[in-house]
Amino acid sequence: MINYRIFRLHRIADITDGIFGVLKDDKIPFCLTLENNDYYIPDGTYICKRVNSPKFGNTFEITGVKNRTHILFHSGNIEEHSLGCVILGEQFETVKIKNYDLKNGVLSSKIAFAEFLRRTEGINEFKLIIKTKII
Protein backbone atom coordinates (compact mmCIF):
# COMPACT_ATOMS: atom_id res chain seq x y z
CA MET A 1 0.00 0.00 0.00
CA ILE A 2 1.35 3.41 -1.01
CA ASN A 3 1.44 6.11 1.67
CA TYR A 4 0.26 9.09 -0.39
CA ARG A 5 0.74 12.71 0.52
CA ILE A 6 -2.70 14.33 0.80
CA PHE A 7 -3.92 17.56 -0.75
CA ARG A 8 -7.45 18.84 -0.14
CA LEU A 9 -9.55 21.05 -2.38
CA HIS A 10 -12.38 22.73 -0.46
CA ARG A 11 -14.88 24.48 -2.70
CA ILE A 12 -16.44 27.51 -1.04
CA ALA A 13 -18.34 29.43 -3.74
CA ASP A 14 -20.29 28.46 -6.85
CA ILE A 15 -21.26 31.49 -8.95
CA THR A 16 -21.83 32.17 -12.64
CA ASP A 17 -18.13 33.03 -13.06
CA GLY A 18 -16.91 29.65 -11.79
CA ILE A 19 -16.42 27.45 -8.76
CA PHE A 20 -13.95 28.92 -6.27
CA GLY A 21 -12.06 27.07 -3.57
CA VAL A 22 -8.99 26.69 -1.39
CA LEU A 23 -6.23 24.12 -1.93
CA LYS A 24 -4.57 22.71 1.16
CA ASP A 25 -1.35 20.75 1.57
CA ASP A 26 -2.88 18.30 4.03
CA LYS A 27 -4.44 20.83 6.42
CA ILE A 28 -2.43 23.93 5.48
CA PRO A 29 -4.12 26.29 2.97
CA PHE A 30 -1.65 27.67 0.44
CA CYS A 31 -3.55 28.80 -2.65
CA LEU A 32 -6.94 29.41 -4.22
CA THR A 33 -8.65 27.46 -6.98
CA LEU A 34 -11.01 28.17 -9.84
CA GLU A 35 -12.91 25.58 -11.86
CA ASN A 36 -15.25 25.80 -14.82
CA ASN A 37 -18.93 25.39 -13.85
CA ASP A 38 -19.59 23.16 -16.86
CA TYR A 39 -16.69 20.75 -16.29
CA TYR A 40 -16.05 20.59 -12.55
CA ILE A 41 -14.75 17.42 -10.90
CA PRO A 42 -17.25 15.58 -8.66
CA ASP A 43 -16.50 15.47 -4.93
CA GLY A 44 -14.37 12.46 -4.08
CA THR A 45 -10.85 11.13 -3.69
CA TYR A 46 -8.50 11.00 -6.67
CA ILE A 47 -4.87 10.12 -7.41
CA CYS A 48 -2.86 12.88 -9.08
CA LYS A 49 0.12 11.88 -11.23
CA ARG A 50 3.01 14.01 -12.43
CA VAL A 51 2.90 14.61 -16.18
CA ASN A 52 4.66 16.77 -18.75
CA SER A 53 1.86 18.57 -20.58
CA PRO A 54 2.63 19.88 -24.09
CA LYS A 55 0.79 23.12 -23.22
CA PHE A 56 1.48 23.57 -19.47
CA GLY A 57 4.77 21.70 -18.90
CA ASN A 58 5.50 20.00 -15.57
CA THR A 59 2.25 19.54 -13.66
CA PHE A 60 -0.11 16.92 -12.25
CA GLU A 61 -3.06 15.14 -13.84
CA ILE A 62 -6.08 14.29 -11.71
CA THR A 63 -6.89 10.68 -12.56
CA GLY A 64 -9.87 8.46 -11.90
CA VAL A 65 -12.56 10.99 -12.83
CA LYS A 66 -15.36 9.08 -14.56
CA ASN A 67 -15.39 9.58 -18.36
CA ARG A 68 -12.66 12.26 -18.18
CA THR A 69 -8.91 12.49 -18.83
CA HIS A 70 -6.25 15.21 -19.03
CA ILE A 71 -7.52 17.15 -16.01
CA LEU A 72 -4.55 19.24 -14.94
CA PHE A 73 -3.50 21.82 -12.39
CA HIS A 74 -2.33 24.98 -14.20
CA SER A 75 -2.31 28.76 -14.21
CA GLY A 76 -5.05 31.02 -15.55
CA ASN A 77 -7.31 33.82 -14.40
CA ILE A 78 -10.94 33.20 -15.37
CA GLU A 79 -13.29 30.26 -15.79
CA GLU A 80 -12.82 30.19 -19.56
CA HIS A 81 -9.12 29.38 -19.07
CA SER A 82 -10.22 25.93 -17.91
CA LEU A 83 -12.05 23.18 -19.75
CA GLY A 84 -12.20 21.04 -16.63
CA CYS A 85 -8.78 21.66 -15.12
CA VAL A 86 -8.05 23.33 -11.78
CA ILE A 87 -6.65 26.86 -12.03
CA LEU A 88 -4.48 28.00 -9.12
CA GLY A 89 -4.25 31.58 -7.85
CA GLU A 90 -3.19 33.74 -4.92
CA GLN A 91 -6.18 36.09 -4.65
CA PHE A 92 -9.82 36.33 -5.70
CA GLU A 93 -10.36 39.43 -7.79
CA THR A 94 -12.48 41.01 -10.49
CA VAL A 95 -10.60 40.58 -13.78
CA LYS A 96 -10.94 42.80 -16.85
CA ILE A 97 -11.48 40.79 -20.01
CA LYS A 98 -12.27 41.63 -23.65
CA ASN A 99 -14.44 44.67 -24.33
CA TYR A 100 -13.81 45.89 -20.77
CA ASP A 101 -16.17 43.27 -19.33
CA LEU A 102 -15.49 42.18 -15.76
CA LYS A 103 -15.46 38.63 -14.40
CA ASN A 104 -14.64 37.19 -11.03
CA GLY A 105 -11.42 35.21 -11.17
CA VAL A 106 -8.04 34.62 -9.57
CA LEU A 107 -4.80 36.61 -9.83
CA SER A 108 -1.11 35.82 -9.26
CA SER A 109 -1.74 32.45 -10.81
CA LYS A 110 1.85 31.82 -11.90
CA ILE A 111 3.04 32.49 -8.33
CA ALA A 112 0.47 30.03 -6.94
CA PHE A 113 1.39 27.42 -9.54
CA ALA A 114 5.10 27.81 -8.69
CA GLU A 115 4.31 27.26 -5.01
CA PHE A 116 2.27 24.17 -5.93
CA LEU A 117 5.28 22.79 -7.83
CA ARG A 118 7.58 23.52 -4.85
CA ARG A 119 5.21 21.67 -2.52
CA THR A 120 5.09 18.67 -4.86
CA GLU A 121 8.83 18.59 -5.56
CA GLY A 122 10.20 15.07 -5.27
CA ILE A 123 6.85 13.29 -5.47
CA ASN A 124 5.23 11.76 -8.53
CA GLU A 125 1.78 11.03 -7.11
CA PHE A 126 -0.47 12.39 -4.38
CA LYS A 127 -4.01 11.90 -3.14
CA LEU A 128 -6.51 14.72 -3.77
CA ILE A 129 -9.67 14.93 -1.68
CA ILE A 130 -12.33 17.26 -3.12
CA LYS A 131 -15.21 18.48 -0.94
CA THR A 132 -17.81 21.14 -1.66
CA LYS A 133 -19.06 23.30 1.19
CA ILE A 134 -20.61 26.39 -0.33
CA ILE A 135 -20.72 29.28 2.13
C-alpha atoms as a PDB file:
ATOM      1  CA  MET A   1       0.000   0.000   0.000  1.00  0.00           C
ATOM      2  CA  ILE A   2       1.351   3.412  -1.007  1.00  0.00           C
ATOM      3  CA  ASN A   3       1.444   6.110   1.666  1.00  0.00           C
ATOM      4  CA  TYR A   4       0.263   9.090  -0.394  1.00  0.00           C
ATOM      5  CA  ARG A   5       0.743  12.707   0.523  1.00  0.00           C
ATOM      6  CA  ILE A   6      -2.697  14.328   0.798  1.00  0.00           C
ATOM      7  CA  PHE A   7      -3.924  17.561  -0.753  1.00  0.00           C
ATOM      8  CA  ARG A   8      -7.452  18.839  -0.137  1.00  0.00           C
ATOM      9  CA  LEU A   9      -9.553  21.052  -2.380  1.00  0.00           C
ATOM     10  CA  HIS A  10     -12.381  22.729  -0.455  1.00  0.00           C
ATOM     11  CA  ARG A  11     -14.878  24.484  -2.704  1.00  0.00           C
ATOM     12  CA  ILE A  12     -16.444  27.505  -1.035  1.00  0.00           C
ATOM     13  CA  ALA A  13     -18.344  29.431  -3.737  1.00  0.00           C
ATOM     14  CA  ASP A  14     -20.287  28.464  -6.854  1.00  0.00           C
ATOM     15  CA  ILE A  15     -21.263  31.494  -8.948  1.00  0.00           C
ATOM     16  CA  THR A  16     -21.834  32.167 -12.635  1.00  0.00           C
ATOM     17  CA  ASP A  17     -18.129  33.034 -13.058  1.00  0.00           C
ATOM     18  CA  GLY A  18     -16.908  29.647 -11.788  1.00  0.00           C
ATOM     19  CA  ILE A  19     -16.419  27.454  -8.764  1.00  0.00           C
ATOM     20  CA  PHE A  20     -13.954  28.916  -6.270  1.00  0.00           C
ATOM     21  CA  GLY A  21     -12.064  27.070  -3.569  1.00  0.00           C
ATOM     22  CA  VAL A  22      -8.994  26.692  -1.395  1.00  0.00           C
ATOM     23  CA  LEU A  23      -6.234  24.121  -1.930  1.00  0.00           C
ATOM     24  CA  LYS A  24      -4.571  22.708   1.158  1.00  0.00           C
ATOM     25  CA  ASP A  25      -1.352  20.748   1.572  1.00  0.00           C
ATOM     26  CA  ASP A  26      -2.879  18.304   4.031  1.00  0.00           C
ATOM     27  CA  LYS A  27      -4.438  20.833   6.424  1.00  0.00           C
ATOM     28  CA  ILE A  28      -2.426  23.934   5.485  1.00  0.00           C
ATOM     29  CA  PRO A  29      -4.122  26.289   2.966  1.00  0.00           C
ATOM     30  CA  PHE A  30      -1.653  27.668   0.442  1.00  0.00           C
ATOM     31  CA  CYS A  31      -3.545  28.798  -2.653  1.00  0.00           C
ATOM     32  CA  LEU A  32      -6.937  29.408  -4.219  1.00  0.00           C
ATOM     33  CA  THR A  33      -8.650  27.459  -6.983  1.00  0.00           C
ATOM     34  CA  LEU A  34     -11.006  28.174  -9.844  1.00  0.00           C
ATOM     35  CA  GLU A  35     -12.913  25.580 -11.858  1.00  0.00           C
ATOM     36  CA  ASN A  36     -15.255  25.796 -14.823  1.00  0.00           C
ATOM     37  CA  ASN A  37     -18.933  25.387 -13.849  1.00  0.00           C
ATOM     38  CA  ASP A  38     -19.592  23.162 -16.863  1.00  0.00           C
ATOM     39  CA  TYR A  39     -16.691  20.751 -16.289  1.00  0.00           C
ATOM     40  CA  TYR A  40     -16.051  20.590 -12.549  1.00  0.00           C
ATOM     41  CA  ILE A  41     -14.749  17.418 -10.897  1.00  0.00           C
ATOM     42  CA  PRO A  42     -17.248  15.578  -8.661  1.00  0.00           C
ATOM     43  CA  ASP A  43     -16.505  15.473  -4.930  1.00  0.00           C
ATOM     44  CA  GLY A  44     -14.368  12.462  -4.081  1.00  0.00           C
ATOM     45  CA  THR A  45     -10.848  11.126  -3.693  1.00  0.00           C
ATOM     46  CA  TYR A  46      -8.495  11.000  -6.675  1.00  0.00           C
ATOM     47  CA  ILE A  47      -4.874  10.125  -7.414  1.00  0.00           C
ATOM     48  CA  CYS A  48      -2.862  12.883  -9.084  1.00  0.00           C
ATOM     49  CA  LYS A  49       0.121  11.877 -11.225  1.00  0.00           C
ATOM     50  CA  ARG A  50       3.013  14.011 -12.425  1.00  0.00           C
ATOM     51  CA  VAL A  51       2.895  14.613 -16.181  1.00  0.00           C
ATOM     52  CA  ASN A  52       4.657  16.775 -18.745  1.00  0.00           C
ATOM     53  CA  SER A  53       1.858  18.573 -20.577  1.00  0.00           C
ATOM     54  CA  PRO A  54       2.629  19.880 -24.089  1.00  0.00           C
ATOM     55  CA  LYS A  55       0.794  23.115 -23.217  1.00  0.00           C
ATOM     56  CA  PHE A  56       1.479  23.567 -19.469  1.00  0.00           C
ATOM     57  CA  GLY A  57       4.767  21.696 -18.900  1.00  0.00           C
ATOM     58  CA  ASN A  58       5.502  19.998 -15.573  1.00  0.00           C
ATOM     59  CA  THR A  59       2.250  19.544 -13.660  1.00  0.00           C
ATOM     60  CA  PHE A  60      -0.110  16.919 -12.254  1.00  0.00           C
ATOM     61  CA  GLU A  61      -3.055  15.142 -13.845  1.00  0.00           C
ATOM     62  CA  ILE A  62      -6.085  14.290 -11.709  1.00  0.00           C
ATOM     63  CA  THR A  63      -6.886  10.676 -12.563  1.00  0.00           C
ATOM     64  CA  GLY A  64      -9.868   8.456 -11.898  1.00  0.00           C
ATOM     65  CA  VAL A  65     -12.559  10.986 -12.829  1.00  0.00           C
ATOM     66  CA  LYS A  66     -15.356   9.080 -14.565  1.00  0.00           C
ATOM     67  CA  ASN A  67     -15.390   9.583 -18.360  1.00  0.00           C
ATOM     68  CA  ARG A  68     -12.656  12.257 -18.175  1.00  0.00           C
ATOM     69  CA  THR A  69      -8.912  12.485 -18.828  1.00  0.00           C
ATOM     70  CA  HIS A  70      -6.250  15.205 -19.034  1.00  0.00           C
ATOM     71  CA  ILE A  71      -7.522  17.145 -16.005  1.00  0.00           C
ATOM     72  CA  LEU A  72      -4.550  19.237 -14.942  1.00  0.00           C
ATOM     73  CA  PHE A  73      -3.495  21.824 -12.386  1.00  0.00           C
ATOM     74  CA  HIS A  74      -2.330  24.977 -14.199  1.00  0.00           C
ATOM     75  CA  SER A  75      -2.306  28.758 -14.208  1.00  0.00           C
ATOM     76  CA  GLY A  76      -5.051  31.015 -15.552  1.00  0.00           C
ATOM     77  CA  ASN A  77      -7.313  33.820 -14.404  1.00  0.00           C
ATOM     78  CA  ILE A  78     -10.935  33.200 -15.374  1.00  0.00           C
ATOM     79  CA  GLU A  79     -13.288  30.257 -15.787  1.00  0.00           C
ATOM     80  CA  GLU A  80     -12.818  30.187 -19.559  1.00  0.00           C
ATOM     81  CA  HIS A  81      -9.120  29.382 -19.074  1.00  0.00           C
ATOM     82  CA  SER A  82     -10.219  25.928 -17.910  1.00  0.00           C
ATOM     83  CA  LEU A  83     -12.047  23.176 -19.753  1.00  0.00           C
ATOM     84  CA  GLY A  84     -12.198  21.037 -16.635  1.00  0.00           C
ATOM     85  CA  CYS A  85      -8.781  21.663 -15.115  1.00  0.00           C
ATOM     86  CA  VAL A  86      -8.047  23.331 -11.775  1.00  0.00           C
ATOM     87  CA  ILE A  87      -6.653  26.856 -12.029  1.00  0.00           C
ATOM     88  CA  LEU A  88      -4.483  28.001  -9.124  1.00  0.00           C
ATOM     89  CA  GLY A  89      -4.255  31.581  -7.851  1.00  0.00           C
ATOM     90  CA  GLU A  90      -3.192  33.745  -4.916  1.00  0.00           C
ATOM     91  CA  GLN A  91      -6.175  36.094  -4.654  1.00  0.00           C
ATOM     92  CA  PHE A  92      -9.815  36.333  -5.704  1.00  0.00           C
ATOM     93  CA  GLU A  93     -10.363  39.434  -7.793  1.00  0.00           C
ATOM     94  CA  THR A  94     -12.478  41.010 -10.488  1.00  0.00           C
ATOM     95  CA  VAL A  95     -10.598  40.582 -13.778  1.00  0.00           C
ATOM     96  CA  LYS A  96     -10.939  42.797 -16.851  1.00  0.00           C
ATOM     97  CA  ILE A  97     -11.481  40.791 -20.012  1.00  0.00           C
ATOM     98  CA  LYS A  98     -12.269  41.626 -23.646  1.00  0.00           C
ATOM     99  CA  ASN A  99     -14.436  44.670 -24.331  1.00  0.00           C
ATOM    100  CA  TYR A 100     -13.809  45.887 -20.768  1.00  0.00           C
ATOM    101  CA  ASP A 101     -16.169  43.273 -19.329  1.00  0.00           C
ATOM    102  CA  LEU A 102     -15.487  42.181 -15.761  1.00  0.00           C
ATOM    103  CA  LYS A 103     -15.455  38.630 -14.400  1.00  0.00           C
ATOM    104  CA  ASN A 104     -14.641  37.195 -11.027  1.00  0.00           C
ATOM    105  CA  GLY A 105     -11.417  35.211 -11.174  1.00  0.00           C
ATOM    106  CA  VAL A 106      -8.040  34.623  -9.571  1.00  0.00           C
ATOM    107  CA  LEU A 107      -4.802  36.608  -9.830  1.00  0.00           C
ATOM    108  CA  SER A 108      -1.114  35.822  -9.262  1.00  0.00           C
ATOM    109  CA  SER A 109      -1.735  32.445 -10.812  1.00  0.00           C
ATOM    110  CA  LYS A 110       1.854  31.821 -11.898  1.00  0.00           C
ATOM    111  CA  ILE A 111       3.045  32.486  -8.331  1.00  0.00           C
ATOM    112  CA  ALA A 112       0.471  30.032  -6.940  1.00  0.00           C
ATOM    113  CA  PHE A 113       1.392  27.417  -9.539  1.00  0.00           C
ATOM    114  CA  ALA A 114       5.097  27.811  -8.691  1.00  0.00           C
ATOM    115  CA  GLU A 115       4.307  27.256  -5.008  1.00  0.00           C
ATOM    116  CA  PHE A 116       2.274  24.167  -5.931  1.00  0.00           C
ATOM    117  CA  LEU A 117       5.277  22.786  -7.829  1.00  0.00           C
ATOM    118  CA  ARG A 118       7.582  23.520  -4.854  1.00  0.00           C
ATOM    119  CA  ARG A 119       5.207  21.669  -2.520  1.00  0.00           C
ATOM    120  CA  THR A 120       5.093  18.671  -4.862  1.00  0.00           C
ATOM    121  CA  GLU A 121       8.826  18.588  -5.565  1.00  0.00           C
ATOM    122  CA  GLY A 122      10.199  15.074  -5.267  1.00  0.00           C
ATOM    123  CA  ILE A 123       6.850  13.291  -5.465  1.00  0.00           C
ATOM    124  CA  ASN A 124       5.234  11.760  -8.533  1.00  0.00           C
ATOM    125  CA  GLU A 125       1.782  11.034  -7.108  1.00  0.00           C
ATOM    126  CA  PHE A 126      -0.465  12.389  -4.381  1.00  0.00           C
ATOM    127  CA  LYS A 127      -4.013  11.904  -3.139  1.00  0.00           C
ATOM    128  CA  LEU A 128      -6.510  14.724  -3.766  1.00  0.00           C
ATOM    129  CA  ILE A 129      -9.672  14.927  -1.676  1.00  0.00           C
ATOM    130  CA  ILE A 130     -12.325  17.260  -3.116  1.00  0.00           C
ATOM    131  CA  LYS A 131     -15.206  18.478  -0.943  1.00  0.00           C
ATOM    132  CA  THR A 132     -17.805  21.136  -1.665  1.00  0.00           C
ATOM    133  CA  LYS A 133     -19.064  23.300   1.188  1.00  0.00           C
ATOM    134  CA  ILE A 134     -20.609  26.388  -0.335  1.00  0.00           C
ATOM    135  CA  ILE A 135     -20.719  29.284   2.129  1.00  0.00           C
END
